[in-house]
Protein backbone atom coordinates (compact mmCIF):
# COMPACT_ATOMS: atom_id res chain seq x y z
CA MET A 1 27.95 -44.60 -113.64
CA THR A 2 29.39 -46.32 -110.61
CA SER A 3 29.24 -50.08 -110.25
CA THR A 4 28.29 -52.14 -107.23
CA VAL A 5 30.87 -54.59 -105.98
CA GLN A 6 29.66 -56.11 -102.73
CA ALA A 7 27.26 -58.93 -102.00
CA ALA A 8 23.57 -58.34 -102.64
CA GLN A 9 21.55 -57.09 -99.69
CA LYS A 10 18.00 -58.11 -98.87
CA TRP A 11 15.58 -55.44 -99.94
CA GLY A 12 11.84 -55.53 -100.22
CA TRP A 13 10.07 -53.08 -102.48
CA SER A 14 6.49 -52.09 -103.15
CA TYR A 15 4.61 -51.19 -106.31
CA ALA A 16 5.58 -48.64 -108.92
CA SER A 17 2.90 -46.27 -110.15
CA GLY A 18 2.94 -46.57 -113.90
CA SER A 19 5.49 -49.36 -114.05
CA SER A 20 5.39 -53.14 -113.85
CA GLN A 21 9.15 -53.39 -113.45
CA THR A 22 10.32 -55.79 -110.74
CA PRO A 23 13.55 -54.56 -109.16
CA GLN A 24 16.50 -56.76 -108.45
CA LYS A 25 17.80 -57.11 -104.92
CA ALA A 26 19.84 -54.14 -103.83
CA GLN A 27 23.58 -54.23 -103.71
CA ALA A 28 25.85 -52.24 -101.48
CA SER A 29 27.52 -49.36 -103.27
CA ASP A 30 31.24 -48.87 -103.51
CA SER A 31 30.78 -45.17 -102.83
CA ALA A 32 31.48 -45.44 -99.11
CA ILE A 33 35.04 -44.54 -98.11
CA PRO A 34 36.79 -46.94 -95.72
CA ASP A 35 38.11 -45.59 -92.44
CA GLU A 36 41.33 -47.64 -92.71
CA ILE A 37 43.38 -49.46 -95.33
CA TYR A 38 45.27 -52.67 -94.50
CA THR A 39 48.25 -53.60 -96.64
CA GLU A 40 48.38 -57.14 -97.97
CA ASP A 41 52.04 -57.55 -96.99
CA ASP A 42 52.05 -57.01 -93.25
CA ASN A 43 48.42 -56.22 -92.28
CA SER A 44 49.56 -52.86 -90.98
CA VAL A 45 47.23 -49.91 -90.99
CA GLU A 46 47.92 -47.02 -93.33
CA ASP A 47 46.44 -43.57 -93.09
CA VAL A 48 43.95 -42.80 -95.82
CA PRO A 49 43.77 -39.45 -97.61
CA GLU A 50 41.52 -36.78 -96.21
CA ILE A 51 37.87 -37.78 -96.43
CA ARG A 52 36.19 -36.34 -99.49
CA LEU A 53 32.89 -34.52 -99.16
CA ALA A 54 30.45 -33.56 -101.88
CA PRO A 55 31.48 -30.02 -102.87
CA GLU A 56 29.05 -27.27 -101.94
CA VAL A 57 27.25 -25.37 -104.67
CA LYS A 58 25.36 -22.25 -103.68
CA ALA A 59 21.65 -22.24 -104.45
CA SER A 60 22.11 -18.98 -106.36
CA GLU A 61 24.65 -20.70 -108.63
CA MET A 62 22.31 -23.65 -109.12
CA MET A 63 19.47 -21.33 -110.13
CA ALA A 64 21.72 -19.61 -112.69
CA ARG A 65 22.45 -22.84 -114.56
CA PRO A 66 20.85 -23.77 -117.88
CA VAL A 67 17.79 -25.99 -117.79
CA ALA A 68 18.53 -29.73 -117.95
CA THR A 69 17.76 -31.54 -121.20
CA ARG A 70 18.40 -35.14 -120.10
CA LEU A 71 15.07 -35.71 -118.40
CA GLY A 72 15.59 -39.46 -118.12
CA THR A 73 18.78 -39.13 -116.04
CA ILE A 74 19.09 -38.34 -112.33
CA PRO A 75 21.83 -35.75 -111.82
CA LYS A 76 24.25 -36.17 -108.92
CA ILE A 77 22.93 -33.31 -106.82
CA PHE A 78 22.19 -33.73 -103.11
CA HIS A 79 19.72 -31.14 -101.82
CA GLN A 80 19.10 -30.21 -98.18
CA SER A 81 17.26 -27.33 -96.53
CA TRP A 82 17.41 -25.23 -93.38
CA ILE A 83 16.43 -21.80 -92.10
CA ASP A 84 19.83 -20.37 -92.98
CA SER A 85 23.37 -21.63 -93.44
CA ASN A 86 23.96 -22.20 -89.70
CA LEU A 87 23.30 -25.87 -88.98
CA PRO A 88 22.79 -27.27 -85.46
CA THR A 89 25.51 -29.71 -84.43
CA LYS A 90 23.82 -33.02 -85.18
CA PHE A 91 22.48 -31.73 -88.48
CA GLN A 92 25.98 -30.66 -89.45
CA GLN A 93 27.33 -34.10 -88.59
CA TRP A 94 24.66 -36.05 -90.43
CA SER A 95 24.88 -33.73 -93.41
CA GLU A 96 28.65 -34.20 -93.58
CA ASN A 97 28.16 -37.95 -93.47
CA CYS A 98 25.73 -37.77 -96.40
CA ARG A 99 28.25 -35.64 -98.27
CA LYS A 100 30.91 -38.24 -97.50
CA VAL A 101 28.77 -41.10 -98.81
CA HIS A 102 27.80 -38.99 -101.86
CA TYR A 103 31.27 -37.50 -102.33
CA ASP A 104 30.91 -37.48 -106.14
CA TYR A 105 27.70 -35.42 -105.95
CA GLU A 106 27.21 -31.68 -105.61
CA TRP A 107 25.67 -30.53 -102.32
CA VAL A 108 23.20 -27.65 -102.09
CA LEU A 109 21.78 -26.18 -98.88
CA TRP A 110 18.57 -24.28 -99.58
CA THR A 111 17.75 -21.55 -97.07
CA ASN A 112 14.44 -19.76 -96.53
CA GLU A 113 15.77 -16.92 -98.66
CA ASP A 114 16.77 -19.31 -101.44
CA ASN A 115 13.34 -20.94 -101.35
CA GLU A 116 11.63 -17.63 -101.97
CA ASN A 117 14.11 -16.76 -104.71
CA ILE A 118 13.45 -19.94 -106.69
CA VAL A 119 9.72 -19.17 -106.63
CA LYS A 120 10.34 -15.62 -107.82
CA LYS A 121 12.78 -16.68 -110.55
CA HIS A 122 11.19 -19.81 -112.00
CA PHE A 123 7.62 -19.95 -110.65
CA PRO A 124 6.38 -16.35 -110.21
CA TRP A 125 2.80 -17.50 -110.77
CA LEU A 126 3.08 -19.44 -107.48
CA LEU A 127 4.44 -16.54 -105.43
CA GLU A 128 1.16 -15.26 -104.00
CA ALA A 129 0.13 -18.72 -102.78
CA TYR A 130 3.66 -19.40 -101.49
CA LEU A 131 3.79 -16.21 -99.44
CA SER A 132 0.30 -16.83 -98.08
CA LEU A 133 1.37 -20.05 -96.36
CA PRO A 134 1.26 -19.71 -92.55
CA SER A 135 4.94 -20.34 -91.75
CA ASP A 136 8.36 -21.25 -93.10
CA ILE A 137 7.65 -24.92 -92.36
CA TYR A 138 4.89 -24.97 -94.99
CA ARG A 139 7.07 -23.01 -97.40
CA ALA A 140 10.06 -25.35 -96.97
CA ASP A 141 7.85 -28.32 -97.88
CA PHE A 142 6.46 -26.40 -100.84
CA ALA A 143 9.84 -25.28 -102.17
CA ARG A 144 11.55 -28.67 -102.18
CA ASN A 145 9.14 -29.83 -104.89
CA LEU A 146 10.23 -26.86 -106.97
CA TYR A 147 13.98 -27.43 -106.86
CA MET A 148 13.50 -31.16 -107.32
CA TYR A 149 11.36 -30.36 -110.38
CA MET A 150 13.87 -27.83 -111.71
CA PHE A 151 17.10 -29.74 -111.10
CA GLY A 152 16.35 -33.32 -110.04
CA GLY A 153 18.73 -35.31 -107.84
CA VAL A 154 18.25 -36.43 -104.23
CA TYR A 155 16.66 -34.52 -101.35
CA ALA A 156 16.99 -35.48 -97.67
CA ASP A 157 16.03 -33.73 -94.45
CA LEU A 158 18.94 -32.82 -92.21
CA ASP A 159 18.13 -35.48 -89.63
CA PHE A 160 18.93 -38.21 -92.17
CA ASP A 161 22.04 -40.32 -91.74
CA CYS A 162 23.15 -41.73 -95.10
CA LEU A 163 24.20 -45.39 -94.84
CA ARG A 164 25.15 -45.95 -98.48
CA SER A 165 24.94 -44.09 -101.75
CA SER A 166 21.53 -43.43 -103.28
CA ASN A 167 23.02 -44.81 -106.48
CA VAL A 168 22.10 -48.25 -105.15
CA ILE A 169 18.44 -47.42 -105.69
CA PHE A 170 18.94 -46.06 -109.17
CA GLU A 171 20.94 -49.09 -110.25
CA ASN A 172 18.25 -51.47 -109.04
CA TYR A 173 15.64 -49.67 -111.11
CA SER A 174 17.90 -49.30 -114.15
CA THR A 175 17.74 -45.52 -113.80
CA PRO A 176 20.66 -43.63 -115.34
CA TYR A 177 22.47 -41.15 -113.11
CA ASP A 178 25.33 -38.85 -113.96
CA THR A 179 27.06 -35.63 -112.98
CA ALA A 180 24.91 -32.54 -112.91
CA ALA A 181 26.81 -31.01 -115.83
CA HIS A 182 26.06 -34.00 -118.05
CA ALA A 183 22.36 -33.78 -117.20
CA ILE A 184 22.23 -30.30 -118.68
CA VAL A 185 23.28 -31.30 -122.19
CA GLY A 186 23.03 -34.33 -124.42
CA GLU A 187 20.40 -36.85 -125.39
CA ASP A 188 18.30 -38.90 -122.97
CA GLU A 189 19.68 -42.34 -122.22
CA SER A 190 16.37 -43.61 -120.86
CA PRO A 191 12.73 -43.39 -121.96
CA ASN A 192 11.72 -43.15 -118.30
CA SER A 193 11.28 -40.11 -116.12
CA ILE A 194 11.08 -41.37 -112.54
CA ALA A 195 10.47 -40.04 -109.02
CA PHE A 196 11.31 -42.11 -105.93
CA PHE A 197 9.71 -41.87 -102.48
CA GLY A 198 9.95 -44.10 -99.43
CA ARG A 199 7.27 -45.73 -97.30
CA LEU A 200 7.11 -45.21 -93.55
CA GLY A 201 6.06 -48.20 -91.47
CA THR A 202 3.84 -51.10 -92.44
CA ASP A 203 0.42 -49.41 -92.31
CA GLU A 204 -0.22 -48.31 -95.88
CA GLN A 205 -3.51 -46.68 -94.85
CA PHE A 206 -1.79 -44.26 -92.47
CA GLU A 207 -2.26 -40.76 -93.90
CA GLU A 208 1.41 -39.85 -93.43
CA SER A 209 2.89 -43.14 -94.61
CA VAL A 210 4.79 -41.48 -97.49
CA PRO A 211 6.93 -38.72 -95.97
CA ASN A 212 8.41 -35.96 -98.07
CA ALA A 213 11.59 -36.05 -95.94
CA TRP A 214 13.47 -37.94 -98.68
CA MET A 215 12.92 -38.01 -102.42
CA ALA A 216 14.85 -38.54 -105.62
CA SER A 217 13.87 -37.65 -109.15
CA THR A 218 14.85 -36.93 -112.69
CA PRO A 219 14.41 -33.22 -113.53
CA GLY A 220 11.12 -32.01 -114.94
CA HIS A 221 8.99 -34.85 -113.55
CA PRO A 222 5.34 -33.63 -113.80
CA PHE A 223 4.28 -35.43 -110.63
CA LEU A 224 6.29 -32.99 -108.51
CA LEU A 225 3.86 -30.22 -109.43
CA ILE A 226 0.73 -32.13 -108.43
CA PRO A 227 1.07 -31.55 -104.64
CA LEU A 228 1.52 -27.85 -105.41
CA GLU A 229 -1.61 -27.85 -107.53
CA SER A 230 -3.62 -28.85 -104.47
CA VAL A 231 -2.12 -25.89 -102.58
CA LEU A 232 -3.23 -23.55 -105.35
CA LYS A 233 -6.74 -24.98 -105.26
CA ARG A 234 -6.98 -24.48 -101.51
CA PHE A 235 -5.60 -20.98 -101.79
CA SER A 236 -8.09 -19.93 -104.45
CA ARG A 237 -10.94 -21.49 -102.49
CA GLU A 238 -10.16 -20.56 -98.88
CA LYS A 239 -7.55 -17.75 -98.87
CA GLN A 240 -6.50 -18.94 -95.42
CA TRP A 241 -4.86 -21.97 -93.88
CA THR A 242 -6.32 -23.87 -90.97
CA ASP A 243 -4.80 -27.32 -91.52
CA SER A 244 -1.41 -28.64 -90.37
CA PRO A 245 1.69 -28.48 -92.59
CA GLU A 246 1.60 -32.29 -92.79
CA ASP A 247 -1.81 -32.05 -94.44
CA VAL A 248 -1.24 -28.98 -96.64
CA THR A 249 2.31 -29.39 -97.95
CA GLY A 250 3.80 -32.40 -96.14
CA PRO A 251 3.40 -36.20 -96.11
CA GLY A 252 -0.39 -36.17 -96.07
CA ALA A 253 -0.49 -34.05 -99.21
CA LEU A 254 2.19 -36.18 -100.85
CA ARG A 255 0.39 -39.47 -100.20
CA ARG A 256 -2.88 -38.11 -101.59
CA ALA A 257 -1.07 -36.86 -104.69
CA ILE A 258 0.52 -40.27 -105.28
CA LEU A 259 -2.83 -42.03 -104.93
CA ARG A 260 -4.43 -39.58 -107.35
CA TYR A 261 -1.56 -39.90 -109.80
CA HIS A 262 -1.63 -43.69 -109.61
CA LYS A 263 -5.37 -43.81 -110.16
CA HIS A 264 -5.91 -41.19 -112.83
CA TYR A 265 -2.75 -39.89 -114.45
CA ILE A 266 -0.40 -42.78 -115.09
CA TRP A 267 1.33 -41.84 -118.31
CA GLN A 268 1.23 -45.23 -119.99
CA LYS A 269 -2.53 -45.58 -119.55
CA TYR A 270 -3.82 -42.02 -119.81
CA PRO A 271 -1.20 -39.83 -121.48
CA GLU A 272 -3.75 -37.29 -122.66
CA ALA A 273 -5.29 -37.04 -119.19
CA LEU A 274 -1.98 -36.16 -117.56
CA GLU A 275 -1.02 -33.82 -120.36
CA ASN A 276 -4.34 -31.97 -120.29
CA TYR A 277 -4.49 -31.87 -116.50
CA MET A 278 -0.97 -30.51 -115.99
CA GLU A 279 -0.56 -28.43 -119.14
CA ARG A 280 -1.66 -25.16 -117.53
CA TYR A 281 0.97 -25.57 -114.82
CA ILE A 282 3.80 -27.04 -116.86
CA SER A 283 3.43 -24.56 -119.72
CA ALA A 284 4.30 -21.75 -117.31
CA GLY A 285 7.62 -23.40 -116.41
CA PRO A 286 10.86 -24.34 -118.18
CA TYR A 287 9.86 -27.88 -119.17
CA LYS A 288 7.26 -29.06 -121.64
CA MET A 289 5.35 -32.32 -121.61
CA ARG A 290 7.39 -35.10 -123.18
CA PRO A 291 5.17 -37.78 -124.77
CA ASP A 292 8.28 -39.86 -125.44
CA LEU A 293 8.91 -40.34 -121.70
CA ASN A 294 7.16 -42.64 -119.24
CA HIS A 295 6.61 -40.66 -116.05
CA THR A 296 6.87 -43.21 -113.23
CA VAL A 297 6.40 -42.77 -109.49
CA GLN A 298 8.16 -45.48 -107.48
CA LEU A 299 7.43 -46.21 -103.81
CA LEU A 300 10.25 -47.94 -101.95
CA HIS A 301 9.83 -50.46 -99.14
CA HIS A 302 9.98 -48.93 -95.67
CA THR A 303 13.31 -50.59 -94.84
CA ALA A 304 15.03 -48.75 -97.71
CA ILE A 305 14.66 -45.15 -96.50
CA TYR A 306 12.72 -45.23 -93.22
CA PRO A 307 13.91 -48.33 -91.32
CA TYR A 308 13.02 -46.51 -88.08
CA SER A 309 9.40 -45.44 -87.81
CA TRP A 310 8.08 -43.10 -85.13
CA ARG A 311 4.85 -45.07 -85.41
CA PRO A 312 3.89 -48.07 -83.17
CA ASP A 313 5.94 -50.36 -85.46
CA ASN A 314 9.10 -49.34 -83.59
CA TYR A 315 7.95 -48.23 -80.14
CA ASP A 316 10.11 -50.99 -78.65
CA ILE A 317 13.33 -49.28 -79.80
CA ARG A 318 12.22 -45.70 -79.41
CA ASP A 319 14.58 -45.07 -76.50
CA VAL A 320 17.68 -45.53 -78.65
CA CYS A 321 16.33 -44.44 -82.06
CA TRP A 322 14.51 -41.19 -81.37
CA VAL A 323 16.91 -38.25 -81.25
CA LEU A 324 14.66 -36.37 -78.81
CA GLN A 325 15.30 -38.99 -76.11
CA ASP A 326 18.15 -38.66 -73.61
CA SER A 327 18.94 -42.34 -74.24
CA PHE A 328 19.32 -41.85 -78.02
CA ASN A 329 22.22 -43.82 -79.50
CA ALA A 330 22.56 -43.93 -83.28
CA GLU A 331 24.82 -46.96 -83.42
CA ASN A 332 22.62 -49.05 -81.11
CA CYS A 333 19.59 -47.99 -83.12
CA LYS A 334 21.12 -49.17 -86.39
CA LYS A 335 22.13 -52.46 -84.82
CA ALA A 336 18.61 -53.03 -83.47
CA LEU A 337 17.12 -52.34 -86.89
CA GLU A 338 19.70 -54.49 -88.74
CA VAL A 339 20.13 -51.79 -91.35
CA GLU A 340 23.24 -53.41 -92.78
CA ALA A 341 21.60 -56.80 -93.34
CA LYS A 342 18.47 -55.18 -94.77
CA GLY A 343 20.44 -52.93 -97.09
CA SER A 344 18.90 -49.68 -95.87
CA VAL A 345 20.14 -46.68 -97.81
CA ALA A 346 19.38 -44.08 -95.14
CA ILE A 347 17.82 -43.63 -91.71
CA THR A 348 16.20 -40.67 -89.99
CA TYR A 349 15.99 -40.26 -86.24
CA TRP A 350 13.00 -37.90 -86.48
CA SER A 351 14.00 -34.59 -84.94
CA HIS A 352 10.58 -33.24 -86.02
CA THR A 353 12.07 -29.80 -86.66
CA HIS A 354 9.61 -29.38 -89.52
CA THR A 355 6.63 -29.51 -87.15
CA PRO A 356 5.02 -26.39 -85.63
CA THR A 357 6.89 -26.94 -82.34
CA GLY A 358 10.07 -28.21 -83.97
CA HIS A 359 12.13 -25.10 -83.34
CA ASN A 360 11.39 -24.68 -79.66
CA GLY A 361 14.19 -24.86 -77.14
CA GLU A 362 13.31 -28.37 -75.98
CA HIS A 363 13.69 -29.79 -79.49
CA ILE A 364 16.77 -27.83 -80.41
CA LYS A 365 18.75 -28.80 -77.33
CA TYR A 366 18.83 -32.40 -78.56
CA ILE A 367 20.17 -31.60 -82.02
CA THR A 368 22.85 -29.24 -80.72
CA LYS A 369 24.52 -31.81 -78.47
CA LYS A 370 28.13 -32.55 -79.35
CA GLU A 371 28.73 -36.26 -79.58
CA ARG A 372 30.05 -38.88 -81.96
CA ILE A 373 27.57 -39.92 -84.63
CA SER A 374 28.11 -42.42 -87.44
CA GLY A 375 31.88 -42.12 -87.32
CA LEU A 376 31.89 -38.32 -87.45
CA THR A 377 32.91 -36.20 -84.48
CA ALA A 378 31.15 -32.91 -83.95
CA PRO A 379 33.43 -30.07 -85.00
CA SER A 380 34.45 -27.55 -82.41
CA GLY A 381 32.78 -24.19 -82.56
CA SER A 382 29.62 -25.53 -84.21
CA THR A 383 27.07 -23.02 -85.31
CA SER A 384 24.63 -21.62 -82.82
CA ASP A 385 20.88 -21.96 -82.61
CA LYS A 386 20.15 -18.42 -81.47
CA HIS A 387 17.93 -17.78 -84.48
CA MET A 388 15.58 -20.59 -83.49
CA THR A 389 14.74 -19.71 -79.89
């Protein structure tokens, strides 16, 4: 486990469902790689070795691995998702920056084809409902719960810019994390199974105040199946979909699931309720209920993951922070939000590509621009967006 070596950052946090633990203030991680090294003798600048990126692991390889047994440890796997393996320019840049910050993780890009394959391989009983969803946007939301449940780790949408390692969060909640290989074998180091989500904005009553654009979890966390259970109920009842993806499989569905989990199924208070409620779903999968684990859901303060909100909270800096504006400037946005002082772990500039209109030409033109972002220069010959017109 990596250690933190820099001064503590200010970090506010909210409640934990099923836990009374009070986190310590966050510390900056030592995972970031410096751009330059100065020698102590003459203050001259030396070239550093080539920047390390988290190595890519194909989704097919991930699905072929044995099931994890250390369900109290977060494996170092960084998941992302797109239509196929061709990433628009900005997404490629931000993704490479996240791989740089998480260089000791494994990186997996889940495509639409991979998403369907994980349902077929590990959750065939969900396939009919999965295929019935109106579009790939719904299915991408649906599938990320499945690979987070199967493998654990960290998930982030492609419009996230990673500011420091996610390990900072885990260390502040005393959550073990280790390489993916070590998560597959061995004994649990922690009695806690935990899933992390971030708040958006300051209005806790807003229906989409807990986005599913970023999440982290130990493998086999039962909460990750609860949003899917609501999809199955709707499917069996209605056989058609009239609501938005935000409501069916996105942030609206996630927030409702967290509220329901917090109220009725917190493991410490009602272990038999959670076990009985989820048994019919969990018994069909690779993991069984573990009465020796406390299954916690932790909501993080909005400055941790979503320092920029597309809500009225941040309308005053929308011109520089929203990627769909001509005046967008990532560095000016981060300065305005004071992400360094507040210890933010990540920031998203809200490309809204997971909305019904997110793949139209007007949206895509903004995320295919070649420009310098977060210290990374867009590579020449970046992949095209022809499949999204």
